[in-house]
Amino acid sequence: HIKLAYLYLRHYPFDEAMGRIRAGIKAHN
């Protein structure tokens, strides 16, 4: 989870990273 947060924050602004991690975790679940 931390790794995913780090990688998204390295590539995207906070709000976009949040949207991506939210969608990704929900899809994974």
PDB file of all heavy atoms in Angstrom:
ATOM      1  N   HIS A   1       0.841  -1.201   0.000  1.00  0.00           N
ATOM      2  CA  HIS A   1       0.000   0.000   0.000  1.00  0.00           C
ATOM      3  C   HIS A   1       0.882   1.260   0.000  1.00  0.00           C
ATOM      4  O   HIS A   1       0.628   2.207  -0.740  1.00  0.00           O
ATOM      5  CB  HIS A   1      -0.917   0.024   1.230  1.00  0.00           C
ATOM      6  CG  HIS A   1      -2.092  -0.881   1.151  1.00  0.00           C
ATOM      7  ND1 HIS A   1      -2.012  -2.235   1.340  1.00  0.00           N
ATOM      8  CD2 HIS A   1      -3.400  -0.615   0.921  1.00  0.00           C
ATOM      9  CE1 HIS A   1      -3.209  -2.765   1.234  1.00  0.00           C
ATOM     10  NE2 HIS A   1      -4.075  -1.801   0.973  1.00  0.00           N
ATOM     11  N   ILE A   2       1.907   1.247   0.837  1.00  0.00           N
ATOM     12  CA  ILE A   2       2.827   2.393   0.918  1.00  0.00           C
ATOM     13  C   ILE A   2       3.589   2.538  -0.405  1.00  0.00           C
ATOM     14  O   ILE A   2       3.785   3.645  -0.914  1.00  0.00           O
ATOM     15  CB  ILE A   2       3.788   2.253   2.117  1.00  0.00           C
ATOM     16  CG1 ILE A   2       3.017   2.184   3.440  1.00  0.00           C
ATOM     17  CG2 ILE A   2       4.822   3.377   2.127  1.00  0.00           C
ATOM     18  CD1 ILE A   2       2.149   3.388   3.752  1.00  0.00           C
ATOM     19  N   LYS A   3       4.002   1.417  -0.956  1.00  0.00           N
ATOM     20  CA  LYS A   3       4.713   1.421  -2.237  1.00  0.00           C
ATOM     21  C   LYS A   3       3.841   2.036  -3.329  1.00  0.00           C
ATOM     22  O   LYS A   3       4.300   2.879  -4.104  1.00  0.00           O
ATOM     23  CB  LYS A   3       5.091  -0.026  -2.597  1.00  0.00           C
ATOM     24  CG  LYS A   3       5.883  -0.185  -3.858  1.00  0.00           C
ATOM     25  CD  LYS A   3       6.309  -1.647  -4.018  1.00  0.00           C
ATOM     26  CE  LYS A   3       7.245  -1.831  -5.173  1.00  0.00           C
ATOM     27  NZ  LYS A   3       7.855  -3.174  -5.176  1.00  0.00           N
ATOM     28  N   LEU A   4       2.573   1.651  -3.368  1.00  0.00           N
ATOM     29  CA  LEU A   4       1.656   2.194  -4.360  1.00  0.00           C
ATOM     30  C   LEU A   4       1.480   3.700  -4.168  1.00  0.00           C
ATOM     31  O   LEU A   4       1.539   4.467  -5.135  1.00  0.00           O
ATOM     32  CB  LEU A   4       0.303   1.473  -4.257  1.00  0.00           C
ATOM     33  CG  LEU A   4      -0.728   1.798  -5.322  1.00  0.00           C
ATOM     34  CD1 LEU A   4      -0.235   1.400  -6.714  1.00  0.00           C
ATOM     35  CD2 LEU A   4      -2.041   1.072  -4.998  1.00  0.00           C
ATOM     36  N   ALA A   5       1.309   4.120  -2.922  1.00  0.00           N
ATOM     37  CA  ALA A   5       1.178   5.555  -2.629  1.00  0.00           C
ATOM     38  C   ALA A   5       2.420   6.306  -3.100  1.00  0.00           C
ATOM     39  O   ALA A   5       2.321   7.350  -3.752  1.00  0.00           O
ATOM     40  CB  ALA A   5       0.953   5.764  -1.134  1.00  0.00           C
ATOM     41  N   TYR A   6       3.581   5.796  -2.773  1.00  0.00           N
ATOM     42  CA  TYR A   6       4.840   6.426  -3.168  1.00  0.00           C
ATOM     43  C   TYR A   6       4.933   6.554  -4.689  1.00  0.00           C
ATOM     44  O   TYR A   6       5.247   7.630  -5.221  1.00  0.00           O
ATOM     45  CB  TYR A   6       6.011   5.602  -2.621  1.00  0.00           C
ATOM     46  CG  TYR A   6       7.353   6.027  -3.133  1.00  0.00           C
ATOM     47  CD1 TYR A   6       8.032   7.105  -2.570  1.00  0.00           C
ATOM     48  CD2 TYR A   6       7.970   5.356  -4.191  1.00  0.00           C
ATOM     49  CE1 TYR A   6       9.279   7.494  -3.043  1.00  0.00           C
ATOM     50  CE2 TYR A   6       9.204   5.738  -4.663  1.00  0.00           C
ATOM     51  CZ  TYR A   6       9.861   6.804  -4.089  1.00  0.00           C
ATOM     52  OH  TYR A   6      11.090   7.191  -4.564  1.00  0.00           O
ATOM     53  N   LEU A   7       4.677   5.465  -5.393  1.00  0.00           N
ATOM     54  CA  LEU A   7       4.822   5.482  -6.850  1.00  0.00           C
ATOM     55  C   LEU A   7       3.825   6.442  -7.502  1.00  0.00           C
ATOM     56  O   LEU A   7       4.191   7.185  -8.420  1.00  0.00           O
ATOM     57  CB  LEU A   7       4.672   4.064  -7.411  1.00  0.00           C
ATOM     58  CG  LEU A   7       5.810   3.124  -7.038  1.00  0.00           C
ATOM     59  CD1 LEU A   7       5.472   1.693  -7.438  1.00  0.00           C
ATOM     60  CD2 LEU A   7       7.131   3.568  -7.662  1.00  0.00           C
ATOM     61  N   TYR A   8       2.598   6.464  -7.028  1.00  0.00           N
ATOM     62  CA  TYR A   8       1.631   7.402  -7.602  1.00  0.00           C
ATOM     63  C   TYR A   8       2.012   8.844  -7.277  1.00  0.00           C
ATOM     64  O   TYR A   8       1.891   9.727  -8.125  1.00  0.00           O
ATOM     65  CB  TYR A   8       0.222   7.089  -7.124  1.00  0.00           C
ATOM     66  CG  TYR A   8      -0.431   5.927  -7.849  1.00  0.00           C
ATOM     67  CD1 TYR A   8      -1.405   5.167  -7.226  1.00  0.00           C
ATOM     68  CD2 TYR A   8      -0.105   5.596  -9.157  1.00  0.00           C
ATOM     69  CE1 TYR A   8      -2.025   4.107  -7.887  1.00  0.00           C
ATOM     70  CE2 TYR A   8      -0.709   4.545  -9.819  1.00  0.00           C
ATOM     71  CZ  TYR A   8      -1.669   3.808  -9.182  1.00  0.00           C
ATOM     72  OH  TYR A   8      -2.285   2.771  -9.840  1.00  0.00           O
ATOM     73  N   LEU A   9       2.474   9.093  -6.069  1.00  0.00           N
ATOM     74  CA  LEU A   9       2.876  10.463  -5.708  1.00  0.00           C
ATOM     75  C   LEU A   9       4.126  10.917  -6.466  1.00  0.00           C
ATOM     76  O   LEU A   9       4.315  12.114  -6.673  1.00  0.00           O
ATOM     77  CB  LEU A   9       3.098  10.573  -4.200  1.00  0.00           C
ATOM     78  CG  LEU A   9       1.825  10.562  -3.366  1.00  0.00           C
ATOM     79  CD1 LEU A   9       2.157  10.364  -1.895  1.00  0.00           C
ATOM     80  CD2 LEU A   9       1.015  11.841  -3.584  1.00  0.00           C
ATOM     81  N   ARG A  10       4.948   9.997  -6.887  1.00  0.00           N
ATOM     82  CA  ARG A  10       6.130  10.347  -7.684  1.00  0.00           C
ATOM     83  C   ARG A  10       5.742  10.727  -9.109  1.00  0.00           C
ATOM     84  O   ARG A  10       6.463  11.446  -9.776  1.00  0.00           O
ATOM     85  CB  ARG A  10       7.123   9.176  -7.726  1.00  0.00           C
ATOM     86  CG  ARG A  10       7.767   8.855  -6.407  1.00  0.00           C
ATOM     87  CD  ARG A  10       8.887   9.801  -6.038  1.00  0.00           C
ATOM     88  NE  ARG A  10      10.009   9.590  -6.931  1.00  0.00           N
ATOM     89  CZ  ARG A  10      10.685  10.568  -7.508  1.00  0.00           C
ATOM     90  NH1 ARG A  10      10.392  11.812  -7.268  1.00  0.00           N
ATOM     91  NH2 ARG A  10      11.698  10.301  -8.317  1.00  0.00           N
ATOM     92  N   HIS A  11       4.595  10.241  -9.571  1.00  0.00           N
ATOM     93  CA  HIS A  11       4.199  10.467 -10.959  1.00  0.00           C
ATOM     94  C   HIS A  11       3.047  11.454 -11.141  1.00  0.00           C
ATOM     95  O   HIS A  11       2.854  11.967 -12.245  1.00  0.00           O
ATOM     96  CB  HIS A  11       3.804   9.135 -11.612  1.00  0.00           C
ATOM     97  CG  HIS A  11       4.955   8.207 -11.790  1.00  0.00           C
ATOM     98  ND1 HIS A  11       5.257   7.200 -10.899  1.00  0.00           N
ATOM     99  CD2 HIS A  11       5.910   8.160 -12.738  1.00  0.00           C
ATOM    100  CE1 HIS A  11       6.331   6.567 -11.310  1.00  0.00           C
ATOM    101  NE2 HIS A  11       6.755   7.121 -12.417  1.00  0.00           N
ATOM    102  N   TYR A  12       2.272  11.680 -10.079  1.00  0.00           N
ATOM    103  CA  TYR A  12       1.054  12.475 -10.225  1.00  0.00           C
ATOM    104  C   TYR A  12       0.904  13.470  -9.069  1.00  0.00           C
ATOM    105  O   TYR A  12       1.388  13.221  -7.967  1.00  0.00           O
ATOM    106  CB  TYR A  12      -0.189  11.568 -10.241  1.00  0.00           C
ATOM    107  CG  TYR A  12      -0.121  10.485 -11.283  1.00  0.00           C
ATOM    108  CD1 TYR A  12       0.169   9.173 -10.919  1.00  0.00           C
ATOM    109  CD2 TYR A  12      -0.322  10.763 -12.629  1.00  0.00           C
ATOM    110  CE1 TYR A  12       0.254   8.163 -11.875  1.00  0.00           C
ATOM    111  CE2 TYR A  12      -0.251   9.768 -13.595  1.00  0.00           C
ATOM    112  CZ  TYR A  12       0.042   8.466 -13.205  1.00  0.00           C
ATOM    113  OH  TYR A  12       0.122   7.483 -14.164  1.00  0.00           O
ATOM    114  N   PRO A  13       0.154  14.556  -9.297  1.00  0.00           N
ATOM    115  CA  PRO A  13      -0.179  15.453  -8.186  1.00  0.00           C
ATOM    116  C   PRO A  13      -1.034  14.696  -7.158  1.00  0.00           C
ATOM    117  O   PRO A  13      -1.656  13.675  -7.486  1.00  0.00           O
ATOM    118  CB  PRO A  13      -0.982  16.576  -8.851  1.00  0.00           C
ATOM    119  CG  PRO A  13      -0.821  16.400 -10.311  1.00  0.00           C
ATOM    120  CD  PRO A  13      -0.375  15.002 -10.577  1.00  0.00           C
ATOM    121  N   PHE A  14      -1.096  15.223  -5.949  1.00  0.00           N
ATOM    122  CA  PHE A  14      -1.760  14.521  -4.853  1.00  0.00           C
ATOM    123  C   PHE A  14      -3.176  14.064  -5.214  1.00  0.00           C
ATOM    124  O   PHE A  14      -3.525  12.903  -5.010  1.00  0.00           O
ATOM    125  CB  PHE A  14      -1.811  15.405  -3.585  1.00  0.00           C
ATOM    126  CG  PHE A  14      -2.444  14.692  -2.423  1.00  0.00           C
ATOM    127  CD1 PHE A  14      -1.675  13.926  -1.574  1.00  0.00           C
ATOM    128  CD2 PHE A  14      -3.812  14.773  -2.210  1.00  0.00           C
ATOM    129  CE1 PHE A  14      -2.267  13.238  -0.515  1.00  0.00           C
ATOM    130  CE2 PHE A  14      -4.402  14.097  -1.152  1.00  0.00           C
ATOM    131  CZ  PHE A  14      -3.620  13.327  -0.309  1.00  0.00           C
ATOM    132  N   ASP A  15      -4.004  14.963  -5.739  1.00  0.00           N
ATOM    133  CA  ASP A  15      -5.403  14.601  -6.020  1.00  0.00           C
ATOM    134  C   ASP A  15      -5.513  13.478  -7.051  1.00  0.00           C
ATOM    135  O   ASP A  15      -6.349  12.586  -6.913  1.00  0.00           O
ATOM    136  CB  ASP A  15      -6.206  15.821  -6.477  1.00  0.00           C
ATOM    137  CG  ASP A  15      -6.462  16.805  -5.343  1.00  0.00           C
ATOM    138  OD1 ASP A  15      -6.371  16.404  -4.158  1.00  0.00           O
ATOM    139  OD2 ASP A  15      -6.743  17.986  -5.635  1.00  0.00           O
ATOM    140  N   GLU A  16      -4.682  13.526  -8.075  1.00  0.00           N
ATOM    141  CA  GLU A  16      -4.711  12.456  -9.078  1.00  0.00           C
ATOM    142  C   GLU A  16      -4.191  11.151  -8.488  1.00  0.00           C
ATOM    143  O   GLU A  16      -4.740  10.076  -8.760  1.00  0.00           O
ATOM    144  CB  GLU A  16      -3.912  12.844 -10.321  1.00  0.00           C
ATOM    145  CG  GLU A  16      -4.086  11.834 -11.438  1.00  0.00           C
ATOM    146  CD  GLU A  16      -3.457  12.268 -12.753  1.00  0.00           C
ATOM    147  OE1 GLU A  16      -3.089  13.441 -12.905  1.00  0.00           O
ATOM    148  OE2 GLU A  16      -3.354  11.400 -13.642  1.00  0.00           O
ATOM    149  N   ALA A  17      -3.135  11.238  -7.682  1.00  0.00           N
ATOM    150  CA  ALA A  17      -2.617  10.038  -7.015  1.00  0.00           C
ATOM    151  C   ALA A  17      -3.701   9.427  -6.134  1.00  0.00           C
ATOM    152  O   ALA A  17      -3.888   8.203  -6.117  1.00  0.00           O
ATOM    153  CB  ALA A  17      -1.384  10.379  -6.184  1.00  0.00           C
ATOM    154  N   MET A  18      -4.456  10.283  -5.424  1.00  0.00           N
ATOM    155  CA  MET A  18      -5.523   9.786  -4.557  1.00  0.00           C
ATOM    156  C   MET A  18      -6.600   9.090  -5.377  1.00  0.00           C
ATOM    157  O   MET A  18      -7.070   8.021  -5.013  1.00  0.00           O
ATOM    158  CB  MET A  18      -6.117  10.950  -3.741  1.00  0.00           C
ATOM    159  CG  MET A  18      -7.138  10.529  -2.712  1.00  0.00           C
ATOM    160  SD  MET A  18      -6.464   9.427  -1.462  1.00  0.00           S
ATOM    161  CE  MET A  18      -7.746   8.186  -1.424  1.00  0.00           C
ATOM    162  N   GLY A  19      -6.989   9.674  -6.477  1.00  0.00           N
ATOM    163  CA  GLY A  19      -7.997   9.049  -7.338  1.00  0.00           C
ATOM    164  C   GLY A  19      -7.542   7.706  -7.865  1.00  0.00           C
ATOM    165  O   GLY A  19      -8.320   6.742  -7.909  1.00  0.00           O
ATOM    166  N   ARG A  20      -6.281   7.627  -8.246  1.00  0.00           N
ATOM    167  CA  ARG A  20      -5.748   6.379  -8.786  1.00  0.00           C
ATOM    168  C   ARG A  20      -5.647   5.292  -7.721  1.00  0.00           C
ATOM    169  O   ARG A  20      -5.971   4.136  -7.971  1.00  0.00           O
ATOM    170  CB  ARG A  20      -4.379   6.619  -9.421  1.00  0.00           C
ATOM    171  CG  ARG A  20      -4.466   7.330 -10.745  1.00  0.00           C
ATOM    172  CD  ARG A  20      -3.071   7.631 -11.303  1.00  0.00           C
ATOM    173  NE  ARG A  20      -3.165   8.238 -12.602  1.00  0.00           N
ATOM    174  CZ  ARG A  20      -3.180   7.576 -13.753  1.00  0.00           C
ATOM    175  NH1 ARG A  20      -3.093   6.262 -13.751  1.00  0.00           N
ATOM    176  NH2 ARG A  20      -3.280   8.206 -14.909  1.00  0.00           N
ATOM    177  N   ILE A  21      -5.175   5.665  -6.541  1.00  0.00           N
ATOM    178  CA  ILE A  21      -5.028   4.644  -5.496  1.00  0.00           C
ATOM    179  C   ILE A  21      -6.402   4.167  -5.028  1.00  0.00           C
ATOM    180  O   ILE A  21      -6.610   2.985  -4.793  1.00  0.00           O
ATOM    181  CB  ILE A  21      -4.136   5.139  -4.335  1.00  0.00           C
ATOM    182  CG1 ILE A  21      -3.594   3.943  -3.544  1.00  0.00           C
ATOM    183  CG2 ILE A  21      -4.843   6.109  -3.424  1.00  0.00           C
ATOM    184  CD1 ILE A  21      -2.467   4.298  -2.589  1.00  0.00           C
ATOM    185  N   ARG A  22      -7.353   5.087  -4.927  1.00  0.00           N
ATOM    186  CA  ARG A  22      -8.730   4.724  -4.541  1.00  0.00           C
ATOM    187  C   ARG A  22      -9.304   3.723  -5.546  1.00  0.00           C
ATOM    188  O   ARG A  22      -9.802   2.662  -5.171  1.00  0.00           O
ATOM    189  CB  ARG A  22      -9.597   5.969  -4.471  1.00  0.00           C
ATOM    190  CG  ARG A  22     -11.051   5.698  -4.128  1.00  0.00           C
ATOM    191  CD  ARG A  22     -11.923   6.954  -4.236  1.00  0.00           C
ATOM    192  NE  ARG A  22     -11.493   7.995  -3.303  1.00  0.00           N
ATOM    193  CZ  ARG A  22     -11.080   9.196  -3.669  1.00  0.00           C
ATOM    194  NH1 ARG A  22     -11.017   9.534  -4.969  1.00  0.00           N
ATOM    195  NH2 ARG A  22     -10.720  10.092  -2.776  1.00  0.00           N
ATOM    196  N   ALA A  23      -9.258   4.080  -6.817  1.00  0.00           N
ATOM    197  CA  ALA A  23      -9.815   3.211  -7.862  1.00  0.00           C
ATOM    198  C   ALA A  23      -9.081   1.877  -7.912  1.00  0.00           C
ATOM    199  O   ALA A  23      -9.709   0.821  -8.068  1.00  0.00           O
ATOM    200  CB  ALA A  23      -9.739   3.918  -9.219  1.00  0.00           C
ATOM    201  N   GLY A  24      -7.759   1.926  -7.766  1.00  0.00           N
ATOM    202  CA  GLY A  24      -6.969   0.702  -7.832  1.00  0.00           C
ATOM    203  C   GLY A  24      -7.263  -0.263  -6.694  1.00  0.00           C
ATOM    204  O   GLY A  24      -7.411  -1.474  -6.913  1.00  0.00           O
ATOM    205  N   ILE A  25      -7.353   0.261  -5.487  1.00  0.00           N
ATOM    206  CA  ILE A  25      -7.634  -0.611  -4.335  1.00  0.00           C
ATOM    207  C   ILE A  25      -9.045  -1.182  -4.438  1.00  0.00           C
ATOM    208  O   ILE A  25      -9.268  -2.371  -4.188  1.00  0.00           O
ATOM    209  CB  ILE A  25      -7.420   0.139  -3.002  1.00  0.00           C
ATOM    210  CG1 ILE A  25      -5.928   0.439  -2.799  1.00  0.00           C
ATOM    211  CG2 ILE A  25      -7.970  -0.679  -1.828  1.00  0.00           C
ATOM    212  CD1 ILE A  25      -5.624   1.336  -1.609  1.00  0.00           C
ATOM    213  N   LYS A  26      -9.996  -0.362  -4.830  1.00  0.00           N
ATOM    214  CA  LYS A  26     -11.368  -0.862  -4.969  1.00  0.00           C
ATOM    215  C   LYS A  26     -11.440  -1.960  -6.035  1.00  0.00           C
ATOM    216  O   LYS A  26     -12.099  -2.981  -5.838  1.00  0.00           O
ATOM    217  CB  LYS A  26     -12.321   0.284  -5.318  1.00  0.00           C
ATOM    218  CG  LYS A  26     -12.622   1.180  -4.136  1.00  0.00           C
ATOM    219  CD  LYS A  26     -13.587   2.295  -4.527  1.00  0.00           C
ATOM    220  CE  LYS A  26     -13.994   3.113  -3.324  1.00  0.00           C
ATOM    221  NZ  LYS A  26     -15.023   4.121  -3.664  1.00  0.00           N
ATOM    222  N   ALA A  27     -10.764  -1.755  -7.160  1.00  0.00           N
ATOM    223  CA  ALA A  27     -10.761  -2.763  -8.229  1.00  0.00           C
ATOM    224  C   ALA A  27     -10.060  -4.034  -7.761  1.00  0.00           C
ATOM    225  O   ALA A  27     -10.517  -5.152  -8.044  1.00  0.00           O
ATOM    226  CB  ALA A  27     -10.081  -2.201  -9.476  1.00  0.00           C
ATOM    227  N   HIS A  28      -8.956  -3.866  -7.047  1.00  0.00           N
ATOM    228  CA  HIS A  28      -8.216  -5.018  -6.519  1.00  0.00           C
ATOM    229  C   HIS A  28      -9.100  -5.821  -5.570  1.00  0.00           C
ATOM    230  O   HIS A  28      -9.172  -7.048  -5.656  1.00  0.00           O
ATOM    231  CB  HIS A  28      -6.949  -4.534  -5.803  1.00  0.00           C
ATOM    232  CG  HIS A  28      -6.088  -5.624  -5.300  1.00  0.00           C
ATOM    233  ND1 HIS A  28      -6.204  -6.128  -4.031  1.00  0.00           N
ATOM    234  CD2 HIS A  28      -5.083  -6.313  -5.889  1.00  0.00           C
ATOM    235  CE1 HIS A  28      -5.310  -7.086  -3.853  1.00  0.00           C
ATOM    236  NE2 HIS A  28      -4.627  -7.212  -4.965  1.00  0.00           N
ATOM    237  N   ASN A  29      -9.772  -5.123  -4.664  1.00  0.00           N
ATOM    238  CA  ASN A  29     -10.654  -5.798  -3.709  1.00  0.00           C
ATOM    239  C   ASN A  29     -11.783  -6.544  -4.427  1.00  0.00           C
ATOM    240  O   ASN A  29     -12.086  -7.687  -4.095  1.00  0.00           O
ATOM    241  CB  ASN A  29     -11.248  -4.802  -2.717  1.00  0.00           C
ATOM    242  CG  ASN A  29     -10.244  -4.303  -1.705  1.00  0.00           C
ATOM    243  OD1 ASN A  29      -9.120  -4.789  -1.617  1.00  0.00           O
ATOM    244  ND2 ASN A  29     -10.635  -3.297  -0.944  1.00  0.00           N
TER     245      ASN A  29
END
